[in-house]
Amino acid sequence: MSAQLRFVRFGPFIVDRAQRQLFRDGRRVRITPLPTAILLVLLDRPGEYVSKDALFALVWNNVVTDSALYKAMALLRRILASGR
């Protein structure tokens, strides 16, 4: 985490990388570890296309099914859309 900022702000959200926590408008958002890991990977690569294979490698060390990735991504989208 040396070259990265501890806190990342995007829209109404703030991510605390060190604590792996997500906040919206100052309130903590409940988020499970897998969507959090995906979010951190995406924040590390702003504006870049991150392939499914890259997510498999970076988040799960290539030991996961497509279904697990799709479920985690859907949960992350719901959390970011609702902020809850």
PDB file of N, CA and C in Angstrom:
ATOM      1  N   MET A   1       0.821  -1.191   0.000  1.00  0.00           N
ATOM      2  CA  MET A   1       0.000   0.000   0.000  1.00  0.00           C
ATOM      3  C   MET A   1       0.866   1.257   0.000  1.00  0.00           C
ATOM      4  N   SER A   2       2.150   1.128  -0.094  1.00  0.00           N
ATOM      5  CA  SER A   2       3.046   2.275   0.013  1.00  0.00           C
ATOM      6  C   SER A   2       2.809   3.322  -1.069  1.00  0.00           C
ATOM      7  N   ALA A   3       2.600   2.914  -2.327  1.00  0.00           N
ATOM      8  CA  ALA A   3       2.421   3.879  -3.409  1.00  0.00           C
ATOM      9  C   ALA A   3       0.964   4.289  -3.579  1.00  0.00           C
ATOM     10  N   GLN A   4       0.067   3.671  -2.850  1.00  0.00           N
ATOM     11  CA  GLN A   4      -1.356   3.956  -2.989  1.00  0.00           C
ATOM     12  C   GLN A   4      -1.840   4.807  -1.835  1.00  0.00           C
ATOM     13  N   LEU A   5      -2.833   5.609  -2.128  1.00  0.00           N
ATOM     14  CA  LEU A   5      -3.478   6.361  -1.064  1.00  0.00           C
ATOM     15  C   LEU A   5      -4.311   5.417  -0.218  1.00  0.00           C
ATOM     16  N   ARG A   6      -4.362   5.681   1.076  1.00  0.00           N
ATOM     17  CA  ARG A   6      -5.165   4.830   1.953  1.00  0.00           C
ATOM     18  C   ARG A   6      -6.652   5.015   1.669  1.00  0.00           C
ATOM     19  N   PHE A   7      -7.052   6.263   1.433  1.00  0.00           N
ATOM     20  CA  PHE A   7      -8.461   6.563   1.178  1.00  0.00           C
ATOM     21  C   PHE A   7      -8.654   6.952  -0.281  1.00  0.00           C
ATOM     22  N   VAL A   8      -9.670   6.376  -0.895  1.00  0.00           N
ATOM     23  CA  VAL A   8     -10.004   6.700  -2.280  1.00  0.00           C
ATOM     24  C   VAL A   8     -11.452   7.167  -2.297  1.00  0.00           C
ATOM     25  N   ARG A   9     -11.681   8.311  -2.929  1.00  0.00           N
ATOM     26  CA  ARG A   9     -13.035   8.866  -3.035  1.00  0.00           C
ATOM     27  C   ARG A   9     -13.497   8.754  -4.480  1.00  0.00           C
ATOM     28  N   PHE A  10     -14.739   8.303  -4.643  1.00  0.00           N
ATOM     29  CA  PHE A  10     -15.382   8.320  -5.955  1.00  0.00           C
ATOM     30  C   PHE A  10     -16.867   8.531  -5.725  1.00  0.00           C
ATOM     31  N   GLY A  11     -17.409   9.551  -6.371  1.00  0.00           N
ATOM     32  CA  GLY A  11     -18.813   9.904  -6.156  1.00  0.00           C
ATOM     33  C   GLY A  11     -19.059  10.123  -4.675  1.00  0.00           C
ATOM     34  N   PRO A  12     -20.148   9.555  -4.147  1.00  0.00           N
ATOM     35  CA  PRO A  12     -20.447   9.717  -2.724  1.00  0.00           C
ATOM     36  C   PRO A  12     -19.708   8.721  -1.831  1.00  0.00           C
ATOM     37  N   PHE A  13     -18.821   7.927  -2.417  1.00  0.00           N
ATOM     38  CA  PHE A  13     -18.151   6.844  -1.698  1.00  0.00           C
ATOM     39  C   PHE A  13     -16.719   7.191  -1.311  1.00  0.00           C
ATOM     40  N   ILE A  14     -16.287   6.602  -0.201  1.00  0.00           N
ATOM     41  CA  ILE A  14     -14.891   6.625   0.220  1.00  0.00           C
ATOM     42  C   ILE A  14     -14.526   5.195   0.594  1.00  0.00           C
ATOM     43  N   VAL A  15     -13.380   4.736   0.101  1.00  0.00           N
ATOM     44  CA  VAL A  15     -12.878   3.414   0.437  1.00  0.00           C
ATOM     45  C   VAL A  15     -11.636   3.591   1.309  1.00  0.00           C
ATOM     46  N   ASP A  16     -11.648   2.910   2.439  1.00  0.00           N
ATOM     47  CA  ASP A  16     -10.475   2.843   3.304  1.00  0.00           C
ATOM     48  C   ASP A  16      -9.771   1.533   2.951  1.00  0.00           C
ATOM     49  N   ARG A  17      -8.681   1.637   2.183  1.00  0.00           N
ATOM     50  CA  ARG A  17      -7.973   0.444   1.727  1.00  0.00           C
ATOM     51  C   ARG A  17      -7.419  -0.374   2.892  1.00  0.00           C
ATOM     52  N   ALA A  18      -6.847   0.303   3.885  1.00  0.00           N
ATOM     53  CA  ALA A  18      -6.205  -0.402   4.995  1.00  0.00           C
ATOM     54  C   ALA A  18      -7.214  -1.231   5.787  1.00  0.00           C
ATOM     55  N   GLN A  19      -8.389  -0.680   6.005  1.00  0.00           N
ATOM     56  CA  GLN A  19      -9.425  -1.382   6.766  1.00  0.00           C
ATOM     57  C   GLN A  19     -10.376  -2.184   5.881  1.00  0.00           C
ATOM     58  N   ARG A  20     -10.211  -2.007   4.550  1.00  0.00           N
ATOM     59  CA  ARG A  20     -11.081  -2.684   3.575  1.00  0.00           C
ATOM     60  C   ARG A  20     -12.548  -2.380   3.870  1.00  0.00           C
ATOM     61  N   GLN A  21     -12.827  -1.086   4.048  1.00  0.00           N
ATOM     62  CA  GLN A  21     -14.179  -0.636   4.357  1.00  0.00           C
ATOM     63  C   GLN A  21     -14.645   0.372   3.319  1.00  0.00           C
ATOM     64  N   LEU A  22     -15.957   0.387   3.089  1.00  0.00           N
ATOM     65  CA  LEU A  22     -16.593   1.292   2.145  1.00  0.00           C
ATOM     66  C   LEU A  22     -17.555   2.188   2.911  1.00  0.00           C
ATOM     67  N   PHE A  23     -17.519   3.488   2.596  1.00  0.00           N
ATOM     68  CA  PHE A  23     -18.406   4.460   3.227  1.00  0.00           C
ATOM     69  C   PHE A  23     -19.154   5.229   2.147  1.00  0.00           C
ATOM     70  N   ARG A  24     -20.395   5.551   2.422  1.00  0.00           N
ATOM     71  CA  ARG A  24     -21.182   6.417   1.554  1.00  0.00           C
ATOM     72  C   ARG A  24     -21.728   7.537   2.413  1.00  0.00           C
ATOM     73  N   ASP A  25     -21.427   8.763   2.006  1.00  0.00           N
ATOM     74  CA  ASP A  25     -21.888   9.944   2.745  1.00  0.00           C
ATOM     75  C   ASP A  25     -21.544   9.832   4.229  1.00  0.00           C
ATOM     76  N   GLY A  26     -20.349   9.319   4.526  1.00  0.00           N
ATOM     77  CA  GLY A  26     -19.867   9.230   5.897  1.00  0.00           C
ATOM     78  C   GLY A  26     -20.355   8.032   6.689  1.00  0.00           C
ATOM     79  N   ARG A  27     -21.238   7.226   6.111  1.00  0.00           N
ATOM     80  CA  ARG A  27     -21.757   6.043   6.820  1.00  0.00           C
ATOM     81  C   ARG A  27     -21.165   4.777   6.215  1.00  0.00           C
ATOM     82  N   ARG A  28     -20.788   3.860   7.078  1.00  0.00           N
ATOM     83  CA  ARG A  28     -20.201   2.606   6.617  1.00  0.00           C
ATOM     84  C   ARG A  28     -21.245   1.785   5.875  1.00  0.00           C
ATOM     85  N   VAL A  29     -20.816   1.210   4.761  1.00  0.00           N
ATOM     86  CA  VAL A  29     -21.659   0.353   3.936  1.00  0.00           C
ATOM     87  C   VAL A  29     -21.259  -1.091   4.202  1.00  0.00           C
ATOM     88  N   ARG A  30     -22.247  -1.927   4.438  1.00  0.00           N
ATOM     89  CA  ARG A  30     -21.957  -3.355   4.642  1.00  0.00           C
ATOM     90  C   ARG A  30     -21.605  -3.973   3.301  1.00  0.00           C
ATOM     91  N   ILE A  31     -20.422  -4.564   3.242  1.00  0.00           N
ATOM     92  CA  ILE A  31     -19.955  -5.198   2.014  1.00  0.00           C
ATOM     93  C   ILE A  31     -19.096  -6.402   2.401  1.00  0.00           C
ATOM     94  N   THR A  32     -19.298  -7.493   1.711  1.00  0.00           N
ATOM     95  CA  THR A  32     -18.577  -8.722   2.030  1.00  0.00           C
ATOM     96  C   THR A  32     -17.187  -8.712   1.380  1.00  0.00           C
ATOM     97  N   PRO A  33     -16.317  -9.625   1.786  1.00  0.00           N
ATOM     98  CA  PRO A  33     -14.927  -9.591   1.312  1.00  0.00           C
ATOM     99  C   PRO A  33     -14.730  -9.707  -0.203  1.00  0.00           C
ATOM    100  N   LEU A  34     -15.487 -10.554  -0.899  1.00  0.00           N
ATOM    101  CA  LEU A  34     -15.247 -10.716  -2.329  1.00  0.00           C
ATOM    102  C   LEU A  34     -15.570  -9.456  -3.130  1.00  0.00           C
ATOM    103  N   PRO A  35     -16.738  -8.847  -2.955  1.00  0.00           N
ATOM    104  CA  PRO A  35     -16.970  -7.584  -3.664  1.00  0.00           C
ATOM    105  C   PRO A  35     -15.961  -6.505  -3.271  1.00  0.00           C
ATOM    106  N   THR A  36     -15.528  -6.524  -2.021  1.00  0.00           N
ATOM    107  CA  THR A  36     -14.510  -5.559  -1.589  1.00  0.00           C
ATOM    108  C   THR A  36     -13.211  -5.780  -2.352  1.00  0.00           C
ATOM    109  N   ALA A  37     -12.792  -7.015  -2.490  1.00  0.00           N
ATOM    110  CA  ALA A  37     -11.564  -7.327  -3.216  1.00  0.00           C
ATOM    111  C   ALA A  37     -11.667  -6.896  -4.675  1.00  0.00           C
ATOM    112  N   ILE A  38     -12.818  -7.138  -5.295  1.00  0.00           N
ATOM    113  CA  ILE A  38     -13.021  -6.717  -6.683  1.00  0.00           C
ATOM    114  C   ILE A  38     -12.948  -5.197  -6.779  1.00  0.00           C
ATOM    115  N   LEU A  39     -13.611  -4.511  -5.868  1.00  0.00           N
ATOM    116  CA  LEU A  39     -13.591  -3.046  -5.865  1.00  0.00           C
ATOM    117  C   LEU A  39     -12.159  -2.523  -5.748  1.00  0.00           C
ATOM    118  N   LEU A  40     -11.371  -3.101  -4.872  1.00  0.00           N
ATOM    119  CA  LEU A  40      -9.990  -2.650  -4.706  1.00  0.00           C
ATOM    120  C   LEU A  40      -9.167  -2.872  -5.974  1.00  0.00           C
ATOM    121  N   VAL A  41      -9.379  -3.989  -6.642  1.00  0.00           N
ATOM    122  CA  VAL A  41      -8.682  -4.239  -7.909  1.00  0.00           C
ATOM    123  C   VAL A  41      -9.071  -3.176  -8.932  1.00  0.00           C
ATOM    124  N   LEU A  42     -10.363  -2.881  -9.028  1.00  0.00           N
ATOM    125  CA  LEU A  42     -10.824  -1.882  -9.999  1.00  0.00           C
ATOM    126  C   LEU A  42     -10.299  -0.488  -9.659  1.00  0.00           C
ATOM    127  N   LEU A  43     -10.254  -0.147  -8.380  1.00  0.00           N
ATOM    128  CA  LEU A  43      -9.728   1.160  -7.968  1.00  0.00           C
ATOM    129  C   LEU A  43      -8.233   1.290  -8.255  1.00  0.00           C
ATOM    130  N   ASP A  44      -7.527   0.178  -8.250  1.00  0.00           N
ATOM    131  CA  ASP A  44      -6.095   0.188  -8.552  1.00  0.00           C
ATOM    132  C   ASP A  44      -5.826   0.420 -10.041  1.00  0.00           C
ATOM    133  N   ARG A  45      -6.877   0.302 -10.859  1.00  0.00           N
ATOM    134  CA  ARG A  45      -6.717   0.398 -12.311  1.00  0.00           C
ATOM    135  C   ARG A  45      -7.755   1.356 -12.906  1.00  0.00           C
ATOM    136  N   PRO A  46      -7.760   2.599 -12.470  1.00  0.00           N
ATOM    137  CA  PRO A  46      -8.791   3.532 -12.951  1.00  0.00           C
ATOM    138  C   PRO A  46      -8.739   3.715 -14.463  1.00  0.00           C
ATOM    139  N   GLY A  47      -9.899   3.613 -15.082  1.00  0.00           N
ATOM    140  CA  GLY A  47      -9.995   3.821 -16.521  1.00  0.00           C
ATOM    141  C   GLY A  47      -9.531   2.653 -17.371  1.00  0.00           C
ATOM    142  N   GLU A  48      -9.056   1.588 -16.744  1.00  0.00           N
ATOM    143  CA  GLU A  48      -8.573   0.422 -17.488  1.00  0.00           C
ATOM    144  C   GLU A  48      -9.662  -0.634 -17.587  1.00  0.00           C
ATOM    145  N   TYR A  49      -9.612  -1.397 -18.649  1.00  0.00           N
ATOM    146  CA  TYR A  49     -10.448  -2.585 -18.772  1.00  0.00           C
ATOM    147  C   TYR A  49      -9.797  -3.686 -17.949  1.00  0.00           C
ATOM    148  N   VAL A  50     -10.572  -4.295 -17.054  1.00  0.00           N
ATOM    149  CA  VAL A  50     -10.066  -5.407 -16.241  1.00  0.00           C
ATOM    150  C   VAL A  50     -10.838  -6.650 -16.673  1.00  0.00           C
ATOM    151  N   SER A  51     -10.147  -7.573 -17.277  1.00  0.00           N
ATOM    152  CA  SER A  51     -10.797  -8.772 -17.808  1.00  0.00           C
ATOM    153  C   SER A  51     -11.217  -9.727 -16.697  1.00  0.00           C
ATOM    154  N   LYS A  52     -12.091 -10.619 -17.080  1.00  0.00           N
ATOM    155  CA  LYS A  52     -12.520 -11.677 -16.166  1.00  0.00           C
ATOM    156  C   LYS A  52     -11.316 -12.490 -15.714  1.00  0.00           C
ATOM    157  N   ASP A  53     -10.430 -12.823 -16.636  1.00  0.00           N
ATOM    158  CA  ASP A  53      -9.245 -13.608 -16.291  1.00  0.00           C
ATOM    159  C   ASP A  53      -8.349 -12.862 -15.305  1.00  0.00           C
ATOM    160  N   ALA A  54      -8.238 -11.549 -15.478  1.00  0.00           N
ATOM    161  CA  ALA A  54      -7.429 -10.748 -14.546  1.00  0.00           C
ATOM    162  C   ALA A  54      -8.057 -10.769 -13.156  1.00  0.00           C
ATOM    163  N   LEU A  55      -9.381 -10.636 -13.086  1.00  0.00           N
ATOM    164  CA  LEU A  55     -10.052 -10.702 -11.781  1.00  0.00           C
ATOM    165  C   LEU A  55      -9.860 -12.068 -11.137  1.00  0.00           C
ATOM    166  N   PHE A  56     -10.000 -13.136 -11.939  1.00  0.00           N
ATOM    167  CA  PHE A  56      -9.759 -14.482 -11.406  1.00  0.00           C
ATOM    168  C   PHE A  56      -8.369 -14.568 -10.791  1.00  0.00           C
ATOM    169  N   ALA A  57      -7.375 -14.065 -11.499  1.00  0.00           N
ATOM    170  CA  ALA A  57      -5.989 -14.159 -11.032  1.00  0.00           C
ATOM    171  C   ALA A  57      -5.736 -13.279  -9.812  1.00  0.00           C
ATOM    172  N   LEU A  58      -6.252 -12.055  -9.829  1.00  0.00           N
ATOM    173  CA  LEU A  58      -5.941 -11.097  -8.770  1.00  0.00           C
ATOM    174  C   LEU A  58      -6.757 -11.294  -7.500  1.00  0.00           C
ATOM    175  N   VAL A  59      -7.990 -11.735  -7.643  1.00  0.00           N
ATOM    176  CA  VAL A  59      -8.868 -11.863  -6.477  1.00  0.00           C
ATOM    177  C   VAL A  59      -8.886 -13.291  -5.939  1.00  0.00           C
ATOM    178  N   TRP A  60      -8.907 -14.272  -6.835  1.00  0.00           N
ATOM    179  CA  TRP A  60      -9.082 -15.651  -6.395  1.00  0.00           C
ATOM    180  C   TRP A  60      -7.907 -16.556  -6.698  1.00  0.00           C
ATOM    181  N   ASN A  61      -6.822 -16.045  -7.196  1.00  0.00           N
ATOM    182  CA  ASN A  61      -5.684 -16.879  -7.592  1.00  0.00           C
ATOM    183  C   ASN A  61      -6.108 -17.998  -8.544  1.00  0.00           C
ATOM    184  N   ASN A  62      -7.025 -17.654  -9.455  1.00  0.00           N
ATOM    185  CA  ASN A  62      -7.504 -18.562 -10.514  1.00  0.00           C
ATOM    186  C   ASN A  62      -8.286 -19.770 -10.008  1.00  0.00           C
ATOM    187  N   VAL A  63      -8.730 -19.758  -8.770  1.00  0.00           N
ATOM    188  CA  VAL A  63      -9.499 -20.886  -8.236  1.00  0.00           C
ATOM    189  C   VAL A  63     -10.924 -20.410  -7.966  1.00  0.00           C
ATOM    190  N   VAL A  64     -11.705 -20.300  -9.030  1.00  0.00           N
ATOM    191  CA  VAL A  64     -13.076 -19.829  -8.894  1.00  0.00           C
ATOM    192  C   VAL A  64     -13.840 -20.152 -10.176  1.00  0.00           C
ATOM    193  N   THR A  65     -15.143 -20.141 -10.063  1.00  0.00           N
ATOM    194  CA  THR A  65     -15.984 -20.376 -11.233  1.00  0.00           C
ATOM    195  C   THR A  65     -16.518 -19.047 -11.757  1.00  0.00           C
ATOM    196  N   ASP A  66     -16.973 -19.063 -12.983  1.00  0.00           N
ATOM    197  CA  ASP A  66     -17.600 -17.865 -13.550  1.00  0.00           C
ATOM    198  C   ASP A  66     -18.766 -17.416 -12.681  1.00  0.00           C
ATOM    199  N   SER A  67     -19.523 -18.364 -12.190  1.00  0.00           N
ATOM    200  CA  SER A  67     -20.696 -18.061 -11.372  1.00  0.00           C
ATOM    201  C   SER A  67     -20.331 -17.249 -10.130  1.00  0.00           C
ATOM    202  N   ALA A  68     -19.249 -17.617  -9.465  1.00  0.00           N
ATOM    203  CA  ALA A  68     -18.829 -16.883  -8.266  1.00  0.00           C
ATOM    204  C   ALA A  68     -18.459 -15.442  -8.609  1.00  0.00           C
ATOM    205  N   LEU A  69     -17.784 -15.248  -9.729  1.00  0.00           N
ATOM    206  CA  LEU A  69     -17.425 -13.891 -10.158  1.00  0.00           C
ATOM    207  C   LEU A  69     -18.676 -13.087 -10.471  1.00  0.00           C
ATOM    208  N   TYR A  70     -19.608 -13.658 -11.215  1.00  0.00           N
ATOM    209  CA  TYR A  70     -20.821 -12.938 -11.588  1.00  0.00           C
ATOM    210  C   TYR A  70     -21.645 -12.566 -10.359  1.00  0.00           C
ATOM    211  N   LYS A  71     -21.722 -13.469  -9.389  1.00  0.00           N
ATOM    212  CA  LYS A  71     -22.470 -13.168  -8.158  1.00  0.00           C
ATOM    213  C   LYS A  71     -21.809 -12.042  -7.374  1.00  0.00           C
ATOM    214  N   ALA A  72     -20.488 -12.083  -7.249  1.00  0.00           N
ATOM    215  CA  ALA A  72     -19.767 -11.031  -6.518  1.00  0.00           C
ATOM    216  C   ALA A  72     -19.900  -9.688  -7.224  1.00  0.00           C
ATOM    217  N   MET A  73     -19.812  -9.685  -8.554  1.00  0.00           N
ATOM    218  CA  MET A  73     -19.962  -8.435  -9.315  1.00  0.00           C
ATOM    219  C   MET A  73     -21.381  -7.882  -9.179  1.00  0.00           C
ATOM    220  N   ALA A  74     -22.373  -8.749  -9.224  1.00  0.00           N
ATOM    221  CA  ALA A  74     -23.761  -8.303  -9.075  1.00  0.00           C
ATOM    222  C   ALA A  74     -23.978  -7.689  -7.697  1.00  0.00           C
ATOM    223  N   LEU A  75     -23.417  -8.302  -6.674  1.00  0.00           N
ATOM    224  CA  LEU A  75     -23.535  -7.759  -5.321  1.00  0.00           C
ATOM    225  C   LEU A  75     -22.851  -6.400  -5.222  1.00  0.00           C
ATOM    226  N   LEU A  76     -21.668  -6.270  -5.802  1.00  0.00           N
ATOM    227  CA  LEU A  76     -20.961  -4.989  -5.791  1.00  0.00           C
ATOM    228  C   LEU A  76     -21.776  -3.922  -6.510  1.00  0.00           C
ATOM    229  N   ARG A  77     -22.348  -4.246  -7.647  1.00  0.00           N
ATOM    230  CA  ARG A  77     -23.187  -3.269  -8.379  1.00  0.00           C
ATOM    231  C   ARG A  77     -24.377  -2.834  -7.533  1.00  0.00           C
ATOM    232  N   ARG A  78     -25.045  -3.783  -6.874  1.00  0.00           N
ATOM    233  CA  ARG A  78     -26.196  -3.441  -6.021  1.00  0.00           C
ATOM    234  C   ARG A  78     -25.777  -2.531  -4.871  1.00  0.00           C
ATOM    235  N   ILE A  79     -24.659  -2.848  -4.255  1.00  0.00           N
ATOM    236  CA  ILE A  79     -24.176  -2.047  -3.132  1.00  0.00           C
ATOM    237  C   ILE A  79     -23.857  -0.626  -3.579  1.00  0.00           C
ATOM    238  N   LEU A  80     -23.165  -0.489  -4.698  1.00  0.00           N
ATOM    239  CA  LEU A  80     -22.799   0.844  -5.171  1.00  0.00           C
ATOM    240  C   LEU A  80     -24.019   1.621  -5.662  1.00  0.00           C
ATOM    241  N   ALA A  81     -25.007   0.916  -6.204  1.00  0.00           N
ATOM    242  CA  ALA A  81     -26.212   1.604  -6.669  1.00  0.00           C
ATOM    243  C   ALA A  81     -27.087   2.075  -5.520  1.00  0.00           C
ATOM    244  N   SER A  82     -27.156   1.258  -4.466  1.00  0.00           N
ATOM    245  CA  SER A  82     -28.051   1.607  -3.352  1.00  0.00           C
ATOM    246  C   SER A  82     -27.324   2.295  -2.210  1.00  0.00           C
ATOM    247  N   GLY A  83     -26.025   2.028  -2.089  1.00  0.00           N
ATOM    248  CA  GLY A  83     -25.266   2.608  -0.981  1.00  0.00           C
ATOM    249  C   GLY A  83     -25.542   1.947   0.350  1.00  0.00           C
ATOM    250  N   ARG A  84     -26.109   0.736   0.322  1.00  0.00           N
ATOM    251  CA  ARG A  84     -26.405   0.011   1.571  1.00  0.00           C
ATOM    252  C   ARG A  84     -25.685  -1.300   1.608  1.00  0.00           C
TER     253      ARG A  84
END
